[in-house]
Amino acid sequence: MIDLDKVTAIDFHTHAGEPCGMHEDDGYEEFQAHMKAYFGSKFDHSPTIAETAAYYRERNIAAVIFTVDGERETGFNRYDNQEVAELVAEHSDILIPFASIDPAKGKKGAREARNLIENHGVKGFKFHPTYQGFYPNDRMAYPLYEAIAEAGLPALFHTGQTGVGAGAPGGMGMRLKYSNPLYLDDVAADFPEMKIIAAHPSFPWQEEALSVATHKPNVWIDLSGWSPKYFPPILVKYMNSLLQDRMLFGSDWPAILPDRWLSDFEKLEVKPEVRQKILKENARKLLGM
């Protein structure tokens, strides 16, 4: 178990590399190449779960880690949630396992979620509306949300522009419209007991994200995917005031390294008492740890 009194921070947004460091799908290497170019990644491969754990353990930072089930929309094979959970469990001193299920799986997806929660220690779920090709308020997703809400676990949604498909012809068919955070307002209203995290500064819909989070007390924002030096002033203003208890540190590993994020965050004008909330305490409360 993670000793949260000893870790310096909780990174709420890290991506698990392929469980075996390999992926055989046609087109997947092209997809990864565009992602690396977009973020300027220096990795020559997607870090494995074990490599990720070693990196975070060395820095004494806990990390929420997940994959994304975009099998239906992209054609790329999804990673087996049970396998990922088992690999993450080998590093339970530093990693917190989330799972991902395509909401189009309906009741079957809800059954999978309950099994992952009850038997595999999963602590939350990740959604990427653009990569998965759905609006978050689509009723097809509600059976899955119900399973998550029943367990009292959080659901993390990508919002705003994405590096997925960026720079590729036609953006590899990825549609940004699905990731407008305003669609989370319906989900937050219909599932007031479910903790919802809007991931990333939500360009170009930052004010929509702040509006939803200030109106719905079950909505948080993670600050991953951008260096803090690029945060818009209105986001920093809300970090220091109305939403100081519902902002979360996230890097977007391995696209953005926590070393860089934390270094730039040190230079941001954030109140000292708010800084620790963002780095660890808000995540600790959200996760019930």
Protein backbone atom coordinates (compact mmCIF):
# COMPACT_ATOMS: atom_id res chain seq x y z
CA MET A 1 0.00 0.00 0.00
CA ILE A 2 1.08 3.57 -0.68
CA ASP A 3 2.19 5.56 2.36
CA LEU A 4 0.57 8.85 1.45
CA ASP A 5 2.11 10.60 4.42
CA LYS A 6 5.54 10.03 2.87
CA VAL A 7 5.00 10.65 -0.86
CA THR A 8 5.48 14.24 -1.97
CA ALA A 9 2.68 14.28 -4.55
CA ILE A 10 0.03 12.25 -6.39
CA ASP A 11 0.15 12.40 -10.18
CA PHE A 12 -3.46 11.86 -11.21
CA HIS A 13 -2.81 11.31 -14.91
CA THR A 14 -0.32 8.74 -16.21
CA HIS A 15 -0.64 6.35 -19.13
CA ALA A 16 0.37 2.71 -18.94
CA GLY A 17 2.53 1.54 -21.80
CA GLU A 18 1.78 -1.75 -23.46
CA PRO A 19 1.91 -4.42 -20.75
CA CYS A 20 4.63 -6.30 -22.65
CA GLY A 21 6.19 -3.25 -24.28
CA MET A 22 4.90 -4.40 -27.66
CA HIS A 23 1.82 -3.86 -29.78
CA GLU A 24 1.06 -5.69 -33.03
CA ASP A 25 -1.86 -3.70 -34.43
CA ASP A 26 -1.51 -2.33 -37.97
CA GLY A 27 -1.29 1.45 -37.85
CA TYR A 28 -0.51 1.65 -34.15
CA GLU A 29 3.13 2.57 -34.70
CA GLU A 30 2.05 5.46 -36.94
CA PHE A 31 -0.35 6.59 -34.24
CA GLN A 32 2.42 6.52 -31.63
CA ALA A 33 4.81 8.37 -33.95
CA HIS A 34 2.37 11.28 -34.32
CA MET A 35 1.91 11.39 -30.54
CA LYS A 36 5.66 11.50 -29.97
CA ALA A 37 6.06 14.30 -32.51
CA TYR A 38 3.21 16.32 -31.00
CA PHE A 39 4.64 16.19 -27.47
CA GLY A 40 8.31 16.09 -28.44
CA SER A 41 8.77 12.84 -26.53
CA LYS A 42 12.33 11.57 -26.14
CA PHE A 43 11.30 7.97 -25.38
CA ASP A 44 12.15 5.39 -28.04
CA HIS A 45 9.38 3.14 -26.73
CA SER A 46 6.30 3.38 -24.53
CA PRO A 47 7.52 2.88 -20.95
CA THR A 48 6.25 -0.33 -19.42
CA ILE A 49 4.34 -0.36 -16.14
CA ALA A 50 7.47 -1.56 -14.33
CA GLU A 51 9.55 1.26 -15.86
CA THR A 52 6.88 3.78 -14.93
CA ALA A 53 6.79 2.51 -11.34
CA ALA A 54 10.58 2.76 -11.07
CA TYR A 55 10.53 6.35 -12.32
CA TYR A 56 7.87 7.43 -9.84
CA ARG A 57 9.35 5.44 -6.96
CA GLU A 58 12.68 7.19 -7.45
CA ARG A 59 10.91 10.55 -7.16
CA ASN A 60 8.65 9.50 -4.28
CA ILE A 61 5.51 10.42 -6.23
CA ALA A 62 2.40 8.23 -6.29
CA ALA A 63 0.63 7.88 -9.64
CA VAL A 64 -2.82 7.01 -10.97
CA ILE A 65 -2.21 4.86 -14.05
CA PHE A 66 -4.50 3.65 -16.85
CA THR A 67 -4.88 2.66 -20.47
CA VAL A 68 -7.76 3.65 -22.79
CA ASP A 69 -10.17 1.21 -24.45
CA GLY A 70 -10.59 2.73 -27.91
CA GLU A 71 -10.93 -0.59 -29.69
CA ARG A 72 -14.29 0.09 -31.35
CA GLU A 73 -13.44 3.57 -32.61
CA THR A 74 -9.80 3.09 -33.61
CA GLY A 75 -9.52 -0.60 -34.44
CA PHE A 76 -6.49 -0.90 -32.15
CA ASN A 77 -6.69 -3.82 -29.74
CA ARG A 78 -7.36 -2.68 -26.21
CA TYR A 79 -5.14 -3.73 -23.34
CA ASP A 80 -6.63 -6.32 -21.05
CA ASN A 81 -7.80 -4.53 -17.90
CA GLN A 82 -7.14 -7.54 -15.71
CA GLU A 83 -3.59 -7.91 -17.00
CA VAL A 84 -2.93 -4.23 -16.44
CA ALA A 85 -4.39 -4.44 -12.91
CA GLU A 86 -2.19 -7.44 -12.11
CA LEU A 87 0.94 -5.66 -13.33
CA VAL A 88 0.06 -2.51 -11.40
CA ALA A 89 -0.56 -4.60 -8.26
CA GLU A 90 3.10 -5.61 -8.37
CA HIS A 91 3.88 -1.94 -7.71
CA SER A 92 1.13 -1.10 -5.23
CA ASP A 93 3.63 0.90 -3.15
CA ILE A 94 3.55 3.67 -5.77
CA LEU A 95 0.86 3.04 -8.46
CA ILE A 96 -2.96 3.38 -8.23
CA PRO A 97 -4.85 1.31 -10.84
CA PHE A 98 -7.62 2.74 -12.99
CA ALA A 99 -9.31 0.78 -15.79
CA SER A 100 -10.89 1.76 -19.10
CA ILE A 101 -13.99 0.30 -20.78
CA ASP A 102 -15.65 1.50 -23.97
CA PRO A 103 -19.05 2.79 -22.79
CA ALA A 104 -20.62 1.33 -25.95
CA LYS A 105 -20.25 -2.06 -24.27
CA GLY A 106 -23.35 -1.18 -22.21
CA LYS A 107 -24.40 -3.78 -19.64
CA LYS A 108 -21.49 -6.03 -20.60
CA GLY A 109 -19.13 -3.18 -19.80
CA ALA A 110 -20.89 -2.59 -16.50
CA ARG A 111 -20.38 -6.25 -15.57
CA GLU A 112 -16.72 -6.00 -16.44
CA ALA A 113 -16.42 -2.87 -14.29
CA ARG A 114 -17.98 -4.57 -11.27
CA ASN A 115 -15.61 -7.52 -11.64
CA LEU A 116 -12.59 -5.24 -11.88
CA ILE A 117 -13.70 -3.34 -8.79
CA GLU A 118 -14.57 -6.38 -6.68
CA ASN A 119 -11.80 -8.76 -7.71
CA HIS A 120 -8.92 -6.76 -9.16
CA GLY A 121 -8.56 -3.69 -6.97
CA VAL A 122 -9.38 -1.07 -9.58
CA LYS A 123 -9.82 2.38 -7.98
CA GLY A 124 -11.39 4.37 -10.83
CA PHE A 125 -12.09 4.56 -14.57
CA LYS A 126 -10.70 6.54 -17.48
CA PHE A 127 -12.68 7.79 -20.50
CA HIS A 128 -11.42 9.58 -23.62
CA PRO A 129 -14.48 10.80 -25.57
CA THR A 130 -12.49 11.73 -28.69
CA TYR A 131 -10.48 8.51 -28.79
CA GLN A 132 -13.55 6.41 -27.91
CA GLY A 133 -15.89 8.34 -30.22
CA PHE A 134 -18.78 9.24 -27.89
CA TYR A 135 -20.42 12.15 -26.13
CA PRO A 136 -20.06 11.70 -22.34
CA ASN A 137 -23.78 12.35 -21.84
CA ASP A 138 -24.80 9.62 -24.31
CA ARG A 139 -27.23 7.33 -22.48
CA MET A 140 -25.41 4.28 -23.77
CA ALA A 141 -22.73 5.07 -21.17
CA TYR A 142 -25.12 5.21 -18.22
CA PRO A 143 -25.05 1.49 -17.27
CA LEU A 144 -21.28 1.79 -16.90
CA TYR A 145 -21.56 5.03 -14.93
CA GLU A 146 -24.08 3.35 -12.64
CA ALA A 147 -21.58 0.60 -11.80
CA ILE A 148 -18.88 3.17 -11.09
CA ALA A 149 -21.19 5.34 -8.98
CA GLU A 150 -22.43 2.36 -6.97
CA ALA A 151 -18.86 1.61 -5.95
CA GLY A 152 -18.18 5.23 -5.03
CA LEU A 153 -15.26 5.45 -7.46
CA PRO A 154 -14.15 8.36 -9.65
CA ALA A 155 -14.46 8.66 -13.43
CA LEU A 156 -11.80 10.64 -15.28
CA PHE A 157 -12.65 12.15 -18.68
CA HIS A 158 -10.30 13.64 -21.24
CA THR A 159 -11.44 17.16 -22.18
CA GLY A 160 -10.30 19.69 -24.76
CA GLN A 161 -7.91 19.27 -27.65
CA THR A 162 -5.86 16.07 -27.81
CA GLY A 163 -2.53 14.89 -29.07
CA VAL A 164 -4.28 11.76 -30.35
CA GLY A 165 -4.15 11.99 -34.13
CA ALA A 166 -2.68 15.50 -34.06
CA GLY A 167 -0.74 16.22 -37.23
CA ALA A 168 -1.98 13.10 -39.02
CA PRO A 169 -4.15 13.40 -42.15
CA GLY A 170 -7.67 14.16 -40.96
CA GLY A 171 -6.45 13.82 -37.39
CA MET A 172 -6.78 10.04 -37.89
CA GLY A 173 -10.52 10.61 -37.83
CA MET A 174 -10.48 11.84 -34.22
CA ARG A 175 -13.24 14.41 -33.57
CA LEU A 176 -12.60 17.10 -30.99
CA LYS A 177 -16.27 17.90 -30.46
CA TYR A 178 -16.77 14.89 -28.18
CA SER A 179 -14.38 16.33 -25.60
CA ASN A 180 -16.15 19.59 -24.80
CA PRO A 181 -16.36 19.55 -20.98
CA LEU A 182 -19.87 21.00 -21.09
CA TYR A 183 -21.16 17.47 -21.84
CA LEU A 184 -19.94 16.47 -18.38
CA ASP A 185 -22.55 18.78 -16.87
CA ASP A 186 -25.31 16.31 -17.74
CA VAL A 187 -23.30 13.43 -16.28
CA ALA A 188 -22.63 15.36 -13.08
CA ALA A 189 -26.32 16.23 -12.76
CA ASP A 190 -27.51 12.67 -13.41
CA PHE A 191 -24.85 11.07 -11.18
CA PRO A 192 -24.34 13.55 -8.33
CA GLU A 193 -22.76 10.83 -6.18
CA MET A 194 -20.07 10.02 -8.80
CA LYS A 195 -16.79 11.91 -8.61
CA ILE A 196 -15.94 13.26 -12.05
CA ILE A 197 -12.55 14.58 -13.12
CA ALA A 198 -12.23 16.77 -16.22
CA ALA A 199 -8.70 16.11 -17.41
CA HIS A 200 -6.41 18.84 -18.74
CA PRO A 201 -6.77 22.55 -19.28
CA SER A 202 -9.73 22.23 -21.64
CA PHE A 203 -8.57 24.28 -24.64
CA PRO A 204 -10.54 25.80 -26.32
CA TRP A 205 -13.29 25.33 -23.72
CA GLN A 206 -11.53 26.36 -20.51
CA GLU A 207 -14.36 28.55 -19.26
CA GLU A 208 -16.90 25.77 -19.85
CA ALA A 209 -14.83 23.45 -17.66
CA LEU A 210 -14.56 26.03 -14.89
CA SER A 211 -18.28 26.72 -15.11
CA VAL A 212 -19.20 23.05 -14.75
CA ALA A 213 -16.78 22.54 -11.86
CA THR A 214 -17.98 25.59 -9.92
CA HIS A 215 -21.63 24.63 -10.44
CA LYS A 216 -21.34 20.89 -9.75
CA PRO A 217 -19.52 20.00 -6.50
CA ASN A 218 -18.78 16.47 -7.74
CA VAL A 219 -16.53 17.75 -10.56
CA TRP A 220 -12.75 18.15 -10.27
CA ILE A 221 -10.13 19.29 -12.80
CA ASP A 222 -6.75 17.66 -13.33
CA LEU A 223 -4.04 19.91 -14.69
CA SER A 224 -2.22 17.41 -16.90
CA GLY A 225 -1.21 17.60 -20.53
CA TRP A 226 0.13 21.16 -20.42
CA SER A 227 3.17 22.73 -18.85
CA PRO A 228 1.89 25.09 -16.11
CA LYS A 229 3.69 27.98 -17.81
CA TYR A 230 1.02 27.81 -20.53
CA PHE A 231 -1.97 27.80 -18.17
CA PRO A 232 -4.46 30.57 -19.07
CA PRO A 233 -4.80 33.29 -16.40
CA ILE A 234 -8.42 32.43 -15.67
CA LEU A 235 -7.44 28.86 -14.78
CA VAL A 236 -4.75 30.08 -12.37
CA LYS A 237 -7.27 32.48 -10.83
CA TYR A 238 -9.72 29.67 -10.12
CA MET A 239 -6.89 27.46 -8.83
CA ASN A 240 -6.17 30.08 -6.21
CA SER A 241 -9.77 30.71 -5.25
CA LEU A 242 -13.10 28.99 -5.93
CA LEU A 243 -11.69 25.64 -7.07
CA GLN A 244 -8.61 25.34 -4.88
CA ASP A 245 -10.06 22.20 -3.25
CA ARG A 246 -10.86 20.49 -6.57
CA MET A 247 -7.72 20.98 -8.65
CA LEU A 248 -5.34 18.03 -9.11
CA PHE A 249 -1.73 17.64 -10.18
CA GLY A 250 -1.37 15.49 -13.30
CA SER A 251 1.50 15.22 -15.74
CA ASP A 252 0.29 13.11 -18.72
CA TRP A 253 3.25 10.73 -18.48
CA PRO A 254 5.00 9.78 -20.67
CA ALA A 255 3.99 12.63 -23.01
CA ILE A 256 4.87 15.21 -20.35
CA LEU A 257 7.27 14.28 -17.58
CA PRO A 258 6.41 15.18 -13.99
CA ASP A 259 9.91 16.67 -13.58
CA ARG A 260 9.10 19.31 -16.16
CA TRP A 261 5.55 19.89 -14.90
CA LEU A 262 6.64 20.32 -11.28
CA SER A 263 9.52 22.61 -12.22
CA ASP A 264 7.18 24.92 -14.14
CA PHE A 265 4.54 24.71 -11.40
CA GLU A 266 7.10 26.06 -8.92
CA LYS A 267 7.29 29.24 -11.00
CA LEU A 268 3.51 29.69 -11.16
CA GLU A 269 1.87 32.25 -8.87
CA VAL A 270 0.00 29.85 -6.60
CA LYS A 271 -0.70 30.48 -2.93
CA PRO A 272 1.53 28.33 -0.69
CA GLU A 273 -1.46 26.82 1.10
CA VAL A 274 -3.05 25.93 -2.25
CA ARG A 275 0.07 24.39 -3.73
CA GLN A 276 0.05 21.39 -1.40
CA LYS A 277 -3.66 20.86 -1.96
CA ILE A 278 -3.07 20.58 -5.70
CA LEU A 279 0.00 18.38 -5.41
CA LYS A 280 -1.43 15.83 -2.99
CA GLU A 281 -4.19 16.61 -0.54
CA ASN A 282 -7.06 17.08 -3.02
CA ALA A 283 -6.24 13.78 -4.72
CA ARG A 284 -5.96 12.04 -1.38
CA LYS A 285 -9.46 13.17 -0.42
CA LEU A 286 -10.91 12.34 -3.81
CA LEU A 287 -9.52 8.81 -3.67
CA GLY A 288 -10.57 8.34 -0.06
CA MET A 289 -7.02 7.41 0.90
